[in-house]
Amino acid sequence: MKVIHKKCMILFKRVCLTFVLLLVFIFSMHYRLFSSVDNNPTPKISMGIGISFGDYETTREYGSGGEWESEGAFGCGFIFENMLSNRFGIHSGIWFSQFILSIHETNHGHHDESTEDNYSDDIESRNNMLTIPLYLITSFQFSMITLNLLTGLNFSYITESFLYNNTSNQQRSVDIKKYIGYTQIGIGGGLEIKFRFFRFVDIFLSGIGERYFNDYIPADDNWEGFLYDFRILTGVLFRTHK
């Protein structure tokens, strides 16, 4: 299985590289074609800020005693968009997110010596992550509303990860960043709705789903699993064009 997984990761990285090169090619061809028509074209660029909230999950259960459950995620970010034409463009930026995964585990075979109650564990994994999306925009404009279909890649880096173990008797925490897959590459996509609020200002609302292809905790087979999430993004964008 590890050999198959390694081959899949090599293939996936090649697909990612091909996608990036394709976007660079489209971007360069756009300026080569349109610079000959107009020496000073107005760039169709939008920049802004936003907030996000949603859930992160993993694709596999934890051992035999429980499973990861989302305790929510929130974040904020900077957004950059460049429309290469009226139909296609590039969406990127950088997002900071904080997400929590938890496990409630009850070991019926382990009894407390004083109360003879079942022993229970509450485990939380608290993570801070930076994400750079690189999406292709397919745009559909309807008067004051624009619908953008987003598809592409995500490059994420978990900057901090702590495991909190809340047992029946005490609470402990440990830094587990060196044990996790803190570099994550995945695919993502969703729908973005933009409302023209002022002449050069848009309010946007997006629903984004992402799936990563690196083990969350590769050091232990009982904890392995791949991250995926669904988030709602909203914020404001400032345009350089009408």
C-alpha atoms as a PDB file:
ATOM      1  CA  MET A   1       0.000   0.000   0.000  1.00  0.00           C
ATOM      2  CA  LYS A   2       2.830   2.405   0.781  1.00  0.00           C
ATOM      3  CA  VAL A   3       4.330   1.777  -2.681  1.00  0.00           C
ATOM      4  CA  ILE A   4       0.974   2.492  -4.337  1.00  0.00           C
ATOM      5  CA  HIS A   5       0.535   5.617  -2.224  1.00  0.00           C
ATOM      6  CA  LYS A   6       4.037   6.811  -3.179  1.00  0.00           C
ATOM      7  CA  LYS A   7       3.318   6.315  -6.882  1.00  0.00           C
ATOM      8  CA  CYS A   8       0.018   8.182  -6.529  1.00  0.00           C
ATOM      9  CA  MET A   9       1.785  11.078  -4.817  1.00  0.00           C
ATOM     10  CA  ILE A  10       4.371  11.275  -7.636  1.00  0.00           C
ATOM     11  CA  LEU A  11       1.571  11.304 -10.221  1.00  0.00           C
ATOM     12  CA  PHE A  12      -0.354  13.923  -8.261  1.00  0.00           C
ATOM     13  CA  LYS A  13       2.705  16.210  -8.014  1.00  0.00           C
ATOM     14  CA  ARG A  14       3.180  15.932 -11.793  1.00  0.00           C
ATOM     15  CA  VAL A  15      -0.465  16.903 -12.321  1.00  0.00           C
ATOM     16  CA  CYS A  16       0.011  19.885  -9.988  1.00  0.00           C
ATOM     17  CA  LEU A  17       3.108  21.013 -11.878  1.00  0.00           C
ATOM     18  CA  THR A  18       1.265  20.684 -15.197  1.00  0.00           C
ATOM     19  CA  PHE A  19      -1.625  22.754 -13.869  1.00  0.00           C
ATOM     20  CA  VAL A  20       0.694  25.529 -12.648  1.00  0.00           C
ATOM     21  CA  LEU A  21       2.558  25.604 -15.958  1.00  0.00           C
ATOM     22  CA  LEU A  22      -0.767  25.771 -17.819  1.00  0.00           C
ATOM     23  CA  LEU A  23      -1.866  28.791 -15.776  1.00  0.00           C
ATOM     24  CA  VAL A  24       1.473  30.505 -16.424  1.00  0.00           C
ATOM     25  CA  PHE A  25       1.102  29.787 -20.154  1.00  0.00           C
ATOM     26  CA  ILE A  26      -2.454  31.230 -20.234  1.00  0.00           C
ATOM     27  CA  PHE A  27      -1.298  34.297 -18.305  1.00  0.00           C
ATOM     28  CA  SER A  28       1.661  34.973 -20.641  1.00  0.00           C
ATOM     29  CA  MET A  29      -0.385  34.409 -23.802  1.00  0.00           C
ATOM     30  CA  HIS A  30      -3.029  36.822 -22.555  1.00  0.00           C
ATOM     31  CA  TYR A  31      -0.571  39.705 -22.208  1.00  0.00           C
ATOM     32  CA  ARG A  32       1.228  38.847 -25.430  1.00  0.00           C
ATOM     33  CA  LEU A  33      -2.040  39.011 -27.375  1.00  0.00           C
ATOM     34  CA  PHE A  34      -3.601  42.066 -25.782  1.00  0.00           C
ATOM     35  CA  SER A  35      -0.495  44.222 -25.406  1.00  0.00           C
ATOM     36  CA  SER A  36      -0.301  44.524 -29.193  1.00  0.00           C
ATOM     37  CA  VAL A  37      -3.869  45.890 -29.301  1.00  0.00           C
ATOM     38  CA  ASP A  38      -3.540  48.396 -26.490  1.00  0.00           C
ATOM     39  CA  ASN A  39      -0.207  49.550 -25.129  1.00  0.00           C
ATOM     40  CA  ASN A  40      -1.806  50.608 -21.844  1.00  0.00           C
ATOM     41  CA  PRO A  41      -4.667  48.212 -21.076  1.00  0.00           C
ATOM     42  CA  THR A  42      -6.467  48.610 -17.781  1.00  0.00           C
ATOM     43  CA  PRO A  43      -5.665  45.468 -15.745  1.00  0.00           C
ATOM     44  CA  LYS A  44      -8.753  43.633 -14.515  1.00  0.00           C
ATOM     45  CA  ILE A  45      -7.443  43.089 -10.989  1.00  0.00           C
ATOM     46  CA  SER A  46      -9.348  42.751  -7.720  1.00  0.00           C
ATOM     47  CA  MET A  47      -7.829  42.713  -4.246  1.00  0.00           C
ATOM     48  CA  GLY A  48      -9.475  42.465  -0.872  1.00  0.00           C
ATOM     49  CA  ILE A  49      -9.815  40.838   2.531  1.00  0.00           C
ATOM     50  CA  GLY A  50     -12.153  38.234   3.931  1.00  0.00           C
ATOM     51  CA  ILE A  51     -13.047  35.915   6.782  1.00  0.00           C
ATOM     52  CA  SER A  52     -13.855  32.209   6.731  1.00  0.00           C
ATOM     53  CA  PHE A  53     -15.590  29.621   8.887  1.00  0.00           C
ATOM     54  CA  GLY A  54     -16.371  25.941   8.445  1.00  0.00           C
ATOM     55  CA  ASP A  55     -15.150  22.448   9.315  1.00  0.00           C
ATOM     56  CA  TYR A  56     -12.046  20.302   8.788  1.00  0.00           C
ATOM     57  CA  GLU A  57     -12.316  16.496   8.867  1.00  0.00           C
ATOM     58  CA  THR A  58     -10.106  13.465   8.190  1.00  0.00           C
ATOM     59  CA  THR A  59     -10.839  10.544   5.894  1.00  0.00           C
ATOM     60  CA  ARG A  60     -10.103   7.733   8.338  1.00  0.00           C
ATOM     61  CA  GLU A  61     -11.198   6.755  11.823  1.00  0.00           C
ATOM     62  CA  TYR A  62      -8.742   6.875  14.701  1.00  0.00           C
ATOM     63  CA  GLY A  63      -7.758   3.322  15.679  1.00  0.00           C
ATOM     64  CA  SER A  64     -10.688   1.380  17.120  1.00  0.00           C
ATOM     65  CA  GLY A  65     -11.629   3.641  20.016  1.00  0.00           C
ATOM     66  CA  GLY A  66     -13.066   6.694  18.289  1.00  0.00           C
ATOM     67  CA  GLU A  67     -12.839   9.040  15.325  1.00  0.00           C
ATOM     68  CA  TRP A  68     -11.766  12.585  14.610  1.00  0.00           C
ATOM     69  CA  GLU A  69     -14.594  15.084  14.886  1.00  0.00           C
ATOM     70  CA  SER A  70     -14.497  18.711  13.820  1.00  0.00           C
ATOM     71  CA  GLU A  71     -14.769  21.387  16.478  1.00  0.00           C
ATOM     72  CA  GLY A  72     -14.966  24.142  13.889  1.00  0.00           C
ATOM     73  CA  ALA A  73     -12.563  26.321  11.936  1.00  0.00           C
ATOM     74  CA  PHE A  74     -12.228  30.027  11.339  1.00  0.00           C
ATOM     75  CA  GLY A  75      -9.753  32.319   9.626  1.00  0.00           C
ATOM     76  CA  CYS A  76      -9.010  35.467   7.668  1.00  0.00           C
ATOM     77  CA  GLY A  77      -7.151  36.201   4.480  1.00  0.00           C
ATOM     78  CA  PHE A  78      -6.043  38.369   1.583  1.00  0.00           C
ATOM     79  CA  ILE A  79      -7.564  37.732  -1.866  1.00  0.00           C
ATOM     80  CA  PHE A  80      -6.114  38.493  -5.298  1.00  0.00           C
ATOM     81  CA  GLU A  81      -7.910  37.996  -8.614  1.00  0.00           C
ATOM     82  CA  ASN A  82      -6.813  38.801 -12.154  1.00  0.00           C
ATOM     83  CA  MET A  83      -9.280  38.370 -15.009  1.00  0.00           C
ATOM     84  CA  LEU A  84      -7.457  37.424 -18.194  1.00  0.00           C
ATOM     85  CA  SER A  85     -10.642  37.914 -20.227  1.00  0.00           C
ATOM     86  CA  ASN A  86     -14.365  38.343 -19.588  1.00  0.00           C
ATOM     87  CA  ARG A  87     -14.643  34.598 -19.017  1.00  0.00           C
ATOM     88  CA  PHE A  88     -11.405  33.324 -17.457  1.00  0.00           C
ATOM     89  CA  GLY A  89      -9.050  34.485 -14.732  1.00  0.00           C
ATOM     90  CA  ILE A  90      -6.797  33.502 -11.828  1.00  0.00           C
ATOM     91  CA  HIS A  91      -7.776  33.506  -8.152  1.00  0.00           C
ATOM     92  CA  SER A  92      -5.135  33.406  -5.414  1.00  0.00           C
ATOM     93  CA  GLY A  93      -4.168  34.975  -2.092  1.00  0.00           C
ATOM     94  CA  ILE A  94      -3.157  33.782   1.353  1.00  0.00           C
ATOM     95  CA  TRP A  95      -5.364  32.558   4.214  1.00  0.00           C
ATOM     96  CA  PHE A  96      -4.684  31.997   7.902  1.00  0.00           C
ATOM     97  CA  SER A  97      -6.927  29.336   9.450  1.00  0.00           C
ATOM     98  CA  GLN A  98      -7.279  27.753  12.853  1.00  0.00           C
ATOM     99  CA  PHE A  99      -9.040  24.416  13.133  1.00  0.00           C
ATOM    100  CA  ILE A 100      -9.645  21.928  15.937  1.00  0.00           C
ATOM    101  CA  LEU A 101     -10.133  18.157  15.670  1.00  0.00           C
ATOM    102  CA  SER A 102     -11.243  16.164  18.702  1.00  0.00           C
ATOM    103  CA  ILE A 103     -11.691  12.566  19.819  1.00  0.00           C
ATOM    104  CA  HIS A 104     -13.807  11.334  22.698  1.00  0.00           C
ATOM    105  CA  GLU A 105     -12.595   7.873  23.655  1.00  0.00           C
ATOM    106  CA  THR A 106     -14.047   5.564  26.311  1.00  0.00           C
ATOM    107  CA  ASN A 107     -12.097   2.466  27.361  1.00  0.00           C
ATOM    108  CA  HIS A 108     -14.619   0.151  28.968  1.00  0.00           C
ATOM    109  CA  GLY A 109     -11.939  -2.300  30.039  1.00  0.00           C
ATOM    110  CA  HIS A 110     -10.063   0.257  32.141  1.00  0.00           C
ATOM    111  CA  HIS A 111     -11.609   1.148  35.499  1.00  0.00           C
ATOM    112  CA  ASP A 112     -10.655   3.818  37.941  1.00  0.00           C
ATOM    113  CA  GLU A 113      -9.409   2.238  41.175  1.00  0.00           C
ATOM    114  CA  SER A 114     -11.446   4.505  43.451  1.00  0.00           C
ATOM    115  CA  THR A 115     -14.739   4.822  41.578  1.00  0.00           C
ATOM    116  CA  GLU A 116     -14.567   1.821  39.200  1.00  0.00           C
ATOM    117  CA  ASP A 117     -16.030   4.064  36.515  1.00  0.00           C
ATOM    118  CA  ASN A 118     -15.083   3.713  32.883  1.00  0.00           C
ATOM    119  CA  TYR A 119     -11.922   5.596  31.988  1.00  0.00           C
ATOM    120  CA  SER A 120     -12.431   8.306  29.311  1.00  0.00           C
ATOM    121  CA  ASP A 121     -10.187  10.488  27.193  1.00  0.00           C
ATOM    122  CA  ASP A 122     -10.913  13.763  25.435  1.00  0.00           C
ATOM    123  CA  ILE A 123      -8.208  14.513  22.862  1.00  0.00           C
ATOM    124  CA  GLU A 124      -7.983  17.747  20.887  1.00  0.00           C
ATOM    125  CA  SER A 125      -5.658  18.666  18.043  1.00  0.00           C
ATOM    126  CA  ARG A 126      -5.414  22.452  17.631  1.00  0.00           C
ATOM    127  CA  ASN A 127      -3.793  23.658  14.420  1.00  0.00           C
ATOM    128  CA  ASN A 128      -2.818  26.942  12.769  1.00  0.00           C
ATOM    129  CA  MET A 129      -2.410  26.806   8.999  1.00  0.00           C
ATOM    130  CA  LEU A 130      -1.435  29.087   6.100  1.00  0.00           C
ATOM    131  CA  THR A 131      -3.002  28.307   2.715  1.00  0.00           C
ATOM    132  CA  ILE A 132      -2.253  29.669  -0.763  1.00  0.00           C
ATOM    133  CA  PRO A 133      -4.954  28.733  -3.296  1.00  0.00           C
ATOM    134  CA  LEU A 134      -4.266  28.797  -7.029  1.00  0.00           C
ATOM    135  CA  TYR A 135      -7.589  28.551  -8.820  1.00  0.00           C
ATOM    136  CA  LEU A 136      -8.790  29.004 -12.366  1.00  0.00           C
ATOM    137  CA  ILE A 137     -11.834  31.309 -12.542  1.00  0.00           C
ATOM    138  CA  THR A 138     -14.657  30.607 -14.976  1.00  0.00           C
ATOM    139  CA  SER A 139     -16.867  33.685 -14.779  1.00  0.00           C
ATOM    140  CA  PHE A 140     -20.533  34.315 -15.658  1.00  0.00           C
ATOM    141  CA  GLN A 141     -21.792  37.899 -15.359  1.00  0.00           C
ATOM    142  CA  PHE A 142     -25.419  38.886 -14.813  1.00  0.00           C
ATOM    143  CA  SER A 143     -25.857  42.653 -14.473  1.00  0.00           C
ATOM    144  CA  MET A 144     -24.926  43.455 -10.842  1.00  0.00           C
ATOM    145  CA  ILE A 145     -24.075  39.832  -9.933  1.00  0.00           C
ATOM    146  CA  THR A 146     -21.098  37.736 -11.018  1.00  0.00           C
ATOM    147  CA  LEU A 147     -20.868  33.960 -10.558  1.00  0.00           C
ATOM    148  CA  ASN A 148     -17.359  32.498 -10.528  1.00  0.00           C
ATOM    149  CA  LEU A 149     -16.622  28.783 -10.703  1.00  0.00           C
ATOM    150  CA  LEU A 150     -13.300  28.121  -8.926  1.00  0.00           C
ATOM    151  CA  THR A 151     -11.168  25.019  -9.552  1.00  0.00           C
ATOM    152  CA  GLY A 152      -7.512  24.350  -8.819  1.00  0.00           C
ATOM    153  CA  LEU A 153      -4.863  23.601  -6.210  1.00  0.00           C
ATOM    154  CA  ASN A 154      -4.125  24.413  -2.578  1.00  0.00           C
ATOM    155  CA  PHE A 155      -0.691  24.705  -0.992  1.00  0.00           C
ATOM    156  CA  SER A 156      -0.875  24.689   2.808  1.00  0.00           C
ATOM    157  CA  TYR A 157       1.599  24.810   5.678  1.00  0.00           C
ATOM    158  CA  ILE A 158       0.606  23.981   9.257  1.00  0.00           C
ATOM    159  CA  THR A 159       2.603  26.464  11.318  1.00  0.00           C
ATOM    160  CA  GLU A 160       1.568  25.143  14.721  1.00  0.00           C
ATOM    161  CA  SER A 161      -0.053  21.966  16.047  1.00  0.00           C
ATOM    162  CA  PHE A 162      -0.688  21.009  19.680  1.00  0.00           C
ATOM    163  CA  LEU A 163      -2.343  17.896  21.075  1.00  0.00           C
ATOM    164  CA  TYR A 164      -4.371  18.342  24.265  1.00  0.00           C
ATOM    165  CA  ASN A 165      -5.222  15.232  26.283  1.00  0.00           C
ATOM    166  CA  ASN A 166      -8.015  15.844  28.778  1.00  0.00           C
ATOM    167  CA  THR A 167      -8.264  12.675  30.878  1.00  0.00           C
ATOM    168  CA  SER A 168     -10.526  12.074  33.840  1.00  0.00           C
ATOM    169  CA  ASN A 169      -7.746  13.254  36.163  1.00  0.00           C
ATOM    170  CA  GLN A 170      -5.683  15.887  34.364  1.00  0.00           C
ATOM    171  CA  GLN A 171      -4.996  17.923  31.232  1.00  0.00           C
ATOM    172  CA  ARG A 172      -1.770  17.618  29.243  1.00  0.00           C
ATOM    173  CA  SER A 173      -0.528  19.210  26.031  1.00  0.00           C
ATOM    174  CA  VAL A 174       2.320  18.441  23.660  1.00  0.00           C
ATOM    175  CA  ASP A 175       3.698  20.039  20.490  1.00  0.00           C
ATOM    176  CA  ILE A 176       3.149  17.483  17.701  1.00  0.00           C
ATOM    177  CA  LYS A 177       4.189  19.502  14.656  1.00  0.00           C
ATOM    178  CA  LYS A 178       7.234  17.286  14.003  1.00  0.00           C
ATOM    179  CA  TYR A 179       4.963  14.218  13.895  1.00  0.00           C
ATOM    180  CA  ILE A 180       2.351  15.549  11.457  1.00  0.00           C
ATOM    181  CA  GLY A 181       2.352  16.194   7.740  1.00  0.00           C
ATOM    182  CA  TYR A 182       2.710  19.937   8.108  1.00  0.00           C
ATOM    183  CA  THR A 183       3.178  20.493   4.356  1.00  0.00           C
ATOM    184  CA  GLN A 184      -0.099  19.805   2.576  1.00  0.00           C
ATOM    185  CA  ILE A 185      -0.957  19.808  -1.140  1.00  0.00           C
ATOM    186  CA  GLY A 186      -4.501  19.305  -2.349  1.00  0.00           C
ATOM    187  CA  ILE A 187      -7.245  20.167  -4.777  1.00  0.00           C
ATOM    188  CA  GLY A 188     -10.116  22.532  -4.206  1.00  0.00           C
ATOM    189  CA  GLY A 189     -13.023  24.248  -5.800  1.00  0.00           C
ATOM    190  CA  GLY A 190     -16.312  25.951  -5.262  1.00  0.00           C
ATOM    191  CA  LEU A 191     -18.625  28.761  -6.206  1.00  0.00           C
ATOM    192  CA  GLU A 192     -18.051  32.482  -5.632  1.00  0.00           C
ATOM    193  CA  ILE A 193     -20.862  35.040  -5.848  1.00  0.00           C
ATOM    194  CA  LYS A 194     -19.928  38.712  -6.175  1.00  0.00           C
ATOM    195  CA  PHE A 195     -22.331  41.605  -5.720  1.00  0.00           C
ATOM    196  CA  ARG A 196     -21.451  45.050  -7.102  1.00  0.00           C
ATOM    197  CA  PHE A 197     -21.773  47.226  -4.022  1.00  0.00           C
ATOM    198  CA  PHE A 198     -20.184  50.432  -5.341  1.00  0.00           C
ATOM    199  CA  ARG A 199     -18.553  51.377  -8.643  1.00  0.00           C
ATOM    200  CA  PHE A 200     -15.234  49.699  -7.794  1.00  0.00           C
ATOM    201  CA  VAL A 201     -16.276  47.600  -4.793  1.00  0.00           C
ATOM    202  CA  ASP A 202     -17.660  44.048  -4.643  1.00  0.00           C
ATOM    203  CA  ILE A 203     -19.040  42.041  -1.733  1.00  0.00           C
ATOM    204  CA  PHE A 204     -18.346  38.316  -2.191  1.00  0.00           C
ATOM    205  CA  LEU A 205     -19.684  35.084  -0.706  1.00  0.00           C
ATOM    206  CA  SER A 206     -18.028  31.742  -1.490  1.00  0.00           C
ATOM    207  CA  GLY A 207     -18.449  28.084  -0.667  1.00  0.00           C
ATOM    208  CA  ILE A 208     -15.147  26.182  -0.988  1.00  0.00           C
ATOM    209  CA  GLY A 209     -14.343  22.485  -0.576  1.00  0.00           C
ATOM    210  CA  GLU A 210     -10.774  21.169  -0.326  1.00  0.00           C
ATOM    211  CA  ARG A 211      -9.178  17.727  -0.159  1.00  0.00           C
ATOM    212  CA  TYR A 212      -5.503  17.144   0.724  1.00  0.00           C
ATOM    213  CA  PHE A 213      -3.260  14.220  -0.264  1.00  0.00           C
ATOM    214  CA  ASN A 214      -0.680  14.113   2.551  1.00  0.00           C
ATOM    215  CA  ASP A 215      -1.245  12.122   5.743  1.00  0.00           C
ATOM    216  CA  TYR A 216      -2.242  14.315   8.645  1.00  0.00           C
ATOM    217  CA  ILE A 217      -0.190  12.250  11.123  1.00  0.00           C
ATOM    218  CA  PRO A 218       1.959   9.861   9.002  1.00  0.00           C
ATOM    219  CA  ALA A 219       4.107   8.701  11.943  1.00  0.00           C
ATOM    220  CA  ASP A 220       1.352   6.453  13.346  1.00  0.00           C
ATOM    221  CA  ASP A 221      -0.940   4.167  11.333  1.00  0.00           C
ATOM    222  CA  ASN A 222      -3.662   4.479  13.981  1.00  0.00           C
ATOM    223  CA  TRP A 223      -3.828   8.220  13.454  1.00  0.00           C
ATOM    224  CA  GLU A 224      -3.379   8.483   9.695  1.00  0.00           C
ATOM    225  CA  GLY A 225      -5.931  10.195   7.528  1.00  0.00           C
ATOM    226  CA  PHE A 226      -6.194  12.903   4.896  1.00  0.00           C
ATOM    227  CA  LEU A 227      -7.606  16.329   5.657  1.00  0.00           C
ATOM    228  CA  TYR A 228     -10.620  17.688   3.840  1.00  0.00           C
ATOM    229  CA  ASP A 229     -12.811  20.671   4.582  1.00  0.00           C
ATOM    230  CA  PHE A 230     -15.739  22.821   3.595  1.00  0.00           C
ATOM    231  CA  ARG A 231     -15.644  26.543   4.364  1.00  0.00           C
ATOM    232  CA  ILE A 232     -17.750  29.635   3.810  1.00  0.00           C
ATOM    233  CA  LEU A 233     -15.781  32.746   2.798  1.00  0.00           C
ATOM    234  CA  THR A 234     -17.046  36.297   2.749  1.00  0.00           C
ATOM    235  CA  GLY A 235     -15.474  39.725   2.439  1.00  0.00           C
ATOM    236  CA  VAL A 236     -14.896  42.751   0.235  1.00  0.00           C
ATOM    237  CA  LEU A 237     -12.969  43.158  -3.040  1.00  0.00           C
ATOM    238  CA  PHE A 238     -11.704  46.388  -4.610  1.00  0.00           C
ATOM    239  CA  ARG A 239     -11.582  46.430  -8.411  1.00  0.00           C
ATOM    240  CA  THR A 240      -9.302  48.404 -10.752  1.00  0.00           C
ATOM    241  CA  HIS A 241     -11.933  48.225 -13.520  1.00  0.00           C
ATOM    242  CA  LYS A 242     -15.631  49.012 -13.899  1.00  0.00           C
END
